[in-house]
Amino acid sequence: MATTVQDILMLFEKAEKERIEREKEREKERIEREKEREKERIEREKVLEKERIELEKERNEREKILEKERIEREKVLEKERIEREKEREKVRNEREKVRNEREKVREKERSEREKERQEEIRVINLRHKKYLRRLKTQKELREIERVKAEIRREELDKAIKEMSASIKKAEDLFTTQWGKLVEALVQGPCLNLFKKIGIDVSISFDNVYKVLGDKRYEFDVVLGNGTEMVVIEAKTTLRISDVKDFLNKMEIVRQILTPFPNQKMYGAVAGIKVQENVKQFAMNNGLFVLKLTGEGLLEMMNQQNFKPKQY
């Protein structure tokens, strides 16, 4: 059977209609799939949002618990600090009481000795007067001069002994004060002062020295932790000249402390008496400044925003 052009056109039109129908079906299916995927996405986002809200809630609860624990710890630490402060104050008061009692006893002894000395002088003067009344000859007058010279010599010897005792007392006081300063620097409170500002030193050495050439270099106290070191110069009365000498030593500190090449190094000066201009000069040159304020108690005189020089 022959196929006409009209038949072919009809077949093409039918095929085109079928193609268009298939396209519509595929588009419809695609739209349905898009809707399904969108619905699933919305459901997933709801689930994720719900989970996020739950996690946020849990995080807030944990933060509340941690904050509560932190506050409790701070309360305990503050209570312990107050108790320690009370205990230290009690110890200071007891020491002050003992010191006052000793001072009273010494003052009483001094008064007694002074009374005894005045009494001796009075007796000697009475004896001299009686003796003078009995003296009539030149020989007796010479004897008077000899006795006076002997008395003056005895008084001079006594004065020399008293002066020697005063000098020894001053030397003992200097040694005691110096010992208290060095002891405070090598013990825990000094380490804690630096820990509070982020330098976590845990060990201490005193009288560290090294000989370079024909010159001896000595540091009174060295604090360290394996990665950082604080080198301290201690004086009973800190002067600007002492600070300058210490700054000169710190400029070659790495040549002196050669076993510690990779450690951060800082400088500090300490004293029992530290005047304001000396303190300011040291801090302007990047040094920590420490002061002995009581019975073994140390105070760091630098401000919280102080930036030390690293050598």
Protein backbone atom coordinates (compact mmCIF):
# COMPACT_ATOMS: atom_id res chain seq x y z
CA MET A 1 0.00 0.00 0.00
CA ALA A 2 1.48 3.36 -0.95
CA THR A 3 2.09 6.06 1.70
CA THR A 4 1.14 9.56 0.81
CA VAL A 5 2.69 12.80 1.94
CA GLN A 6 -0.45 13.43 3.93
CA ASP A 7 0.06 10.17 5.79
CA ILE A 8 3.64 11.11 6.57
CA LEU A 9 2.59 14.51 7.90
CA MET A 10 -0.05 12.88 10.06
CA LEU A 11 2.53 10.45 11.42
CA PHE A 12 4.89 13.37 12.18
CA GLU A 13 2.09 15.27 13.87
CA LYS A 14 1.18 12.23 15.93
CA ALA A 15 4.82 11.66 16.89
CA GLU A 16 5.15 15.34 17.81
CA LYS A 17 2.01 15.16 19.96
CA GLU A 18 3.36 12.07 21.67
CA ARG A 19 6.72 13.77 22.22
CA ILE A 20 4.96 16.85 23.68
CA GLU A 21 2.92 14.60 25.94
CA ARG A 22 6.05 12.80 27.09
CA GLU A 23 7.70 16.17 27.74
CA LYS A 24 4.71 17.27 29.78
CA GLU A 25 4.81 14.02 31.74
CA ARG A 26 8.53 14.38 32.37
CA GLU A 27 8.06 18.05 33.39
CA LYS A 28 5.24 17.04 35.69
CA GLU A 29 7.38 14.29 37.19
CA ARG A 30 10.30 16.72 37.52
CA ILE A 31 8.05 19.28 39.31
CA GLU A 32 6.79 16.52 41.60
CA ARG A 33 10.35 15.46 42.37
CA GLU A 34 11.32 19.08 43.04
CA LYS A 35 8.38 19.47 45.39
CA GLU A 36 9.34 16.23 47.15
CA ARG A 37 12.95 17.30 47.45
CA GLU A 38 11.91 20.74 48.74
CA LYS A 39 9.61 19.12 51.25
CA GLU A 40 12.42 16.82 52.39
CA ARG A 41 14.83 19.78 52.61
CA ILE A 42 12.36 21.74 54.74
CA GLU A 43 11.91 18.69 56.99
CA ARG A 44 15.68 18.27 57.33
CA GLU A 45 16.10 21.97 58.15
CA LYS A 46 13.38 21.68 60.79
CA VAL A 47 15.15 18.68 62.29
CA LEU A 48 18.53 20.46 62.17
CA GLU A 49 17.05 23.61 63.68
CA LYS A 50 15.49 21.55 66.43
CA GLU A 51 18.83 19.84 67.07
CA ARG A 52 20.62 23.21 67.02
CA ILE A 53 18.14 24.61 69.56
CA GLU A 54 18.67 21.55 71.75
CA LEU A 55 22.44 21.87 71.50
CA GLU A 56 22.26 25.58 72.26
CA LYS A 57 20.10 24.82 75.26
CA GLU A 58 22.56 22.18 76.46
CA ARG A 59 25.48 24.57 75.92
CA ASN A 60 23.73 27.29 77.92
CA GLU A 61 23.05 24.81 80.70
CA ARG A 62 26.70 23.74 80.75
CA GLU A 63 27.82 27.36 80.80
CA LYS A 64 25.49 28.07 83.71
CA ILE A 65 26.87 25.09 85.60
CA LEU A 66 30.48 26.11 84.83
CA GLU A 67 29.78 29.70 85.85
CA LYS A 68 28.21 28.52 89.07
CA GLU A 69 31.21 26.28 89.77
CA ARG A 70 33.59 29.18 88.97
CA ILE A 71 31.76 31.49 91.36
CA GLU A 72 31.85 28.81 94.04
CA ARG A 73 35.59 28.31 93.51
CA GLU A 74 36.20 32.04 93.68
CA LYS A 75 34.21 32.22 96.91
CA VAL A 76 36.27 29.39 98.39
CA LEU A 77 39.54 30.98 97.23
CA GLU A 78 38.49 34.37 98.58
CA LYS A 79 37.55 32.80 101.89
CA GLU A 80 40.91 31.03 102.05
CA ARG A 81 42.70 34.26 101.16
CA ILE A 82 40.89 36.14 103.91
CA GLU A 83 41.71 33.38 106.40
CA ARG A 84 45.38 33.47 105.37
CA GLU A 85 45.41 37.25 105.67
CA LYS A 86 43.87 37.03 109.13
CA GLU A 87 46.45 34.44 110.13
CA ARG A 88 49.30 36.58 108.79
CA GLU A 89 47.89 39.61 110.58
CA LYS A 90 47.68 37.57 113.78
CA VAL A 91 51.30 36.45 113.37
CA ARG A 92 52.39 40.03 112.64
CA ASN A 93 50.60 41.27 115.75
CA GLU A 94 52.19 38.54 117.86
CA ARG A 95 55.63 39.38 116.50
CA GLU A 96 55.03 43.08 117.08
CA LYS A 97 53.91 42.33 120.62
CA VAL A 98 57.03 40.24 121.27
CA ARG A 99 59.22 42.95 119.72
CA ASN A 100 57.61 45.62 121.92
CA GLU A 101 58.09 43.46 124.99
CA ARG A 102 61.74 42.93 124.14
CA GLU A 103 62.17 46.64 123.51
CA LYS A 104 60.62 47.40 126.90
CA VAL A 105 62.97 44.92 128.58
CA ARG A 106 65.98 46.41 126.76
CA GLU A 107 64.87 49.92 127.64
CA LYS A 108 64.48 48.91 131.28
CA GLU A 109 67.93 47.33 131.24
CA ARG A 110 69.41 50.46 129.66
CA SER A 111 67.76 52.60 132.34
CA GLU A 112 69.08 50.34 135.06
CA ARG A 113 72.59 50.44 133.61
CA GLU A 114 72.40 54.21 133.31
CA LYS A 115 71.29 54.49 136.93
CA GLU A 116 74.14 52.23 137.99
CA ARG A 117 76.62 54.29 135.97
CA GLN A 118 75.32 57.55 137.47
CA GLU A 119 75.53 56.03 140.91
CA GLU A 120 79.11 54.92 140.26
CA ILE A 121 80.00 58.41 139.05
CA ARG A 122 78.34 59.94 142.13
CA VAL A 123 80.26 57.60 144.44
CA ILE A 124 83.52 58.28 142.62
CA ASN A 125 82.92 62.05 142.85
CA LEU A 126 82.20 61.78 146.58
CA ARG A 127 85.36 59.76 147.06
CA HIS A 128 87.31 62.33 145.07
CA LYS A 129 85.96 65.17 147.18
CA LYS A 130 86.79 63.38 150.40
CA TYR A 131 90.19 62.47 149.06
CA LEU A 132 90.86 66.05 147.94
CA ARG A 133 90.06 67.35 151.37
CA ARG A 134 92.69 65.01 152.80
CA LEU A 135 95.38 65.91 150.26
CA LYS A 136 97.84 68.60 151.40
CA THR A 137 101.19 67.95 149.79
CA GLN A 138 102.37 68.17 146.19
CA LYS A 139 102.80 64.43 146.14
CA GLU A 140 99.16 64.02 147.00
CA LEU A 141 98.20 66.48 144.24
CA ARG A 142 100.18 64.43 141.69
CA GLU A 143 98.34 61.37 142.95
CA ILE A 144 95.09 63.19 142.27
CA GLU A 145 96.13 63.84 138.66
CA ARG A 146 97.11 60.19 138.27
CA VAL A 147 93.76 59.02 139.62
CA LYS A 148 91.91 61.42 137.27
CA ALA A 149 93.89 60.12 134.31
CA GLU A 150 93.10 56.56 135.37
CA ILE A 151 89.40 57.39 135.60
CA ARG A 152 89.41 59.08 132.21
CA ARG A 153 91.19 56.05 130.76
CA GLU A 154 88.59 53.71 132.27
CA GLU A 155 85.76 55.88 130.95
CA LEU A 156 87.39 55.96 127.52
CA ASP A 157 87.75 52.16 127.51
CA LYS A 158 84.10 51.84 128.52
CA ALA A 159 83.02 54.23 125.78
CA ILE A 160 85.06 52.28 123.21
CA LYS A 161 83.44 49.02 124.36
CA GLU A 162 79.95 50.57 124.11
CA MET A 163 80.75 51.93 120.62
CA SER A 164 82.03 48.50 119.52
CA ALA A 165 78.82 46.92 120.80
CA SER A 166 76.73 49.49 118.86
CA ILE A 167 78.71 48.84 115.67
CA LYS A 168 78.29 45.07 116.09
CA LYS A 169 74.54 45.57 116.66
CA ALA A 170 74.29 47.64 113.46
CA GLU A 171 76.24 44.99 111.53
CA ASP A 172 73.98 42.26 112.92
CA LEU A 173 70.90 44.30 111.93
CA PHE A 174 72.27 44.75 108.39
CA THR A 175 73.04 41.02 108.10
CA THR A 176 69.59 40.10 109.43
CA GLN A 177 67.75 42.48 107.07
CA TRP A 178 69.83 41.32 104.09
CA GLY A 179 69.14 37.69 105.01
CA LYS A 180 65.40 38.38 105.24
CA LEU A 181 65.43 40.03 101.81
CA VAL A 182 67.33 37.18 100.08
CA GLU A 183 65.23 34.58 101.94
CA ALA A 184 62.01 36.26 100.76
CA LEU A 185 63.32 36.36 97.17
CA VAL A 186 64.15 32.62 96.99
CA GLN A 187 60.98 31.39 98.72
CA GLY A 188 57.44 30.79 97.45
CA PRO A 189 55.89 34.29 97.86
CA CYS A 190 58.37 35.77 95.38
CA LEU A 191 57.67 32.97 92.88
CA ASN A 192 53.93 33.58 93.31
CA LEU A 193 54.33 37.32 92.54
CA PHE A 194 55.73 36.46 89.10
CA LYS A 195 53.19 33.66 88.54
CA LYS A 196 50.39 36.21 89.02
CA ILE A 197 51.71 38.24 86.07
CA GLY A 198 52.16 35.20 83.78
CA ILE A 199 55.83 34.30 84.42
CA ASP A 200 55.35 30.81 85.83
CA VAL A 201 58.73 30.39 87.60
CA SER A 202 59.01 27.46 90.03
CA ILE A 203 62.69 27.15 91.08
CA SER A 204 65.16 29.61 92.62
CA PHE A 205 68.94 29.92 93.08
CA ASP A 206 70.99 32.41 95.09
CA ASN A 207 74.58 33.64 94.71
CA VAL A 208 74.88 32.60 91.04
CA TYR A 209 78.24 33.69 89.59
CA LYS A 210 80.60 33.19 86.65
CA VAL A 211 84.13 34.39 85.87
CA LEU A 212 84.65 35.92 82.40
CA GLY A 213 88.29 36.64 81.72
CA ASP A 214 89.63 38.29 84.87
CA LYS A 215 86.25 39.62 86.05
CA ARG A 216 83.69 37.90 88.29
CA TYR A 217 79.97 38.47 87.61
CA GLU A 218 77.47 37.57 90.31
CA PHE A 219 73.66 37.56 90.51
CA ASP A 220 72.02 37.54 93.93
CA VAL A 221 68.95 35.48 92.95
CA VAL A 222 67.85 33.68 89.74
CA LEU A 223 64.31 32.32 89.26
CA GLY A 224 63.40 29.94 86.42
CA ASN A 225 61.03 27.32 84.98
CA GLY A 226 62.91 25.84 81.99
CA THR A 227 61.70 28.42 79.45
CA GLU A 228 61.85 31.76 81.33
CA MET A 229 64.28 33.28 83.84
CA VAL A 230 64.16 36.29 86.16
CA VAL A 231 67.54 37.64 87.32
CA ILE A 232 67.34 39.69 90.56
CA GLU A 233 69.77 42.20 92.12
CA ALA A 234 69.15 42.71 95.87
CA LYS A 235 70.23 45.71 97.97
CA THR A 236 69.29 46.84 101.48
CA THR A 237 69.06 50.43 100.20
CA LEU A 238 68.50 50.50 96.43
CA ARG A 239 70.17 53.45 94.64
CA ILE A 240 70.19 54.60 91.01
CA SER A 241 73.88 53.68 90.73
CA ASP A 242 73.01 50.11 91.77
CA VAL A 243 70.33 49.97 89.04
CA LYS A 244 72.78 51.27 86.41
CA ASP A 245 75.41 48.65 87.38
CA PHE A 246 72.78 45.92 87.17
CA LEU A 247 71.60 47.15 83.73
CA ASN A 248 75.19 46.88 82.49
CA LYS A 249 75.37 43.27 83.71
CA MET A 250 72.03 42.45 82.09
CA GLU A 251 73.34 43.61 78.70
CA ILE A 252 75.76 40.63 78.76
CA VAL A 253 73.54 38.27 80.77
CA ARG A 254 73.44 35.69 77.97
CA GLN A 255 77.24 35.56 77.96
CA ILE A 256 77.16 34.91 81.71
CA LEU A 257 74.27 32.41 81.84
CA THR A 258 75.42 30.46 78.77
CA PRO A 259 73.74 27.13 79.75
CA PHE A 260 70.33 28.75 79.06
CA PRO A 261 70.56 30.07 75.46
CA ASN A 262 66.90 29.74 74.45
CA GLN A 263 65.18 31.00 77.58
CA LYS A 264 63.39 34.35 77.89
CA MET A 265 65.26 36.52 80.40
CA TYR A 266 63.96 39.43 82.50
CA GLY A 267 65.63 41.65 85.07
CA ALA A 268 64.45 42.71 88.54
CA VAL A 269 65.84 44.79 91.42
CA ALA A 270 64.86 44.40 95.07
CA GLY A 271 65.48 46.41 98.22
CA ILE A 272 64.42 47.06 101.77
CA LYS A 273 64.49 50.81 101.12
CA VAL A 274 63.44 51.93 97.61
CA GLN A 275 62.90 55.64 96.93
CA GLU A 276 60.35 56.78 94.35
CA ASN A 277 62.91 58.16 91.86
CA VAL A 278 64.92 54.92 92.00
CA LYS A 279 61.75 52.83 91.46
CA GLN A 280 60.72 54.97 88.46
CA PHE A 281 64.21 54.82 86.93
CA ALA A 282 64.28 51.02 87.16
CA MET A 283 60.78 50.60 85.68
CA ASN A 284 61.59 53.05 82.84
CA ASN A 285 64.45 50.70 81.93
CA GLY A 286 62.16 47.64 81.81
CA LEU A 287 63.00 46.15 85.23
CA PHE A 288 60.66 44.66 87.81
CA VAL A 289 60.94 46.38 91.23
CA LEU A 290 60.43 44.42 94.47
CA LYS A 291 60.34 45.78 98.02
CA LEU A 292 60.51 44.03 101.39
CA THR A 293 57.50 45.51 103.24
CA GLY A 294 57.45 43.49 106.50
CA GLU A 295 58.52 40.25 108.12
CA GLY A 296 59.52 38.44 104.95
CA LEU A 297 56.68 39.98 102.88
CA LEU A 298 57.42 41.15 99.32
CA GLU A 299 55.57 43.72 97.20
CA MET A 300 55.86 44.14 93.43
CA MET A 301 55.81 47.91 92.78
CA ASN A 302 55.14 47.68 89.00
CA GLN A 303 51.71 48.49 87.57
CA GLN A 304 49.58 45.72 86.01
CA ASN A 305 50.11 47.07 82.47
CA PHE A 306 53.90 47.11 82.90
CA LYS A 307 55.84 45.61 79.96
CA PRO A 308 59.26 44.28 81.05
CA LYS A 309 62.33 44.33 78.82
CA GLN A 310 63.33 40.92 77.48
CA TYR A 311 67.06 40.26 77.27
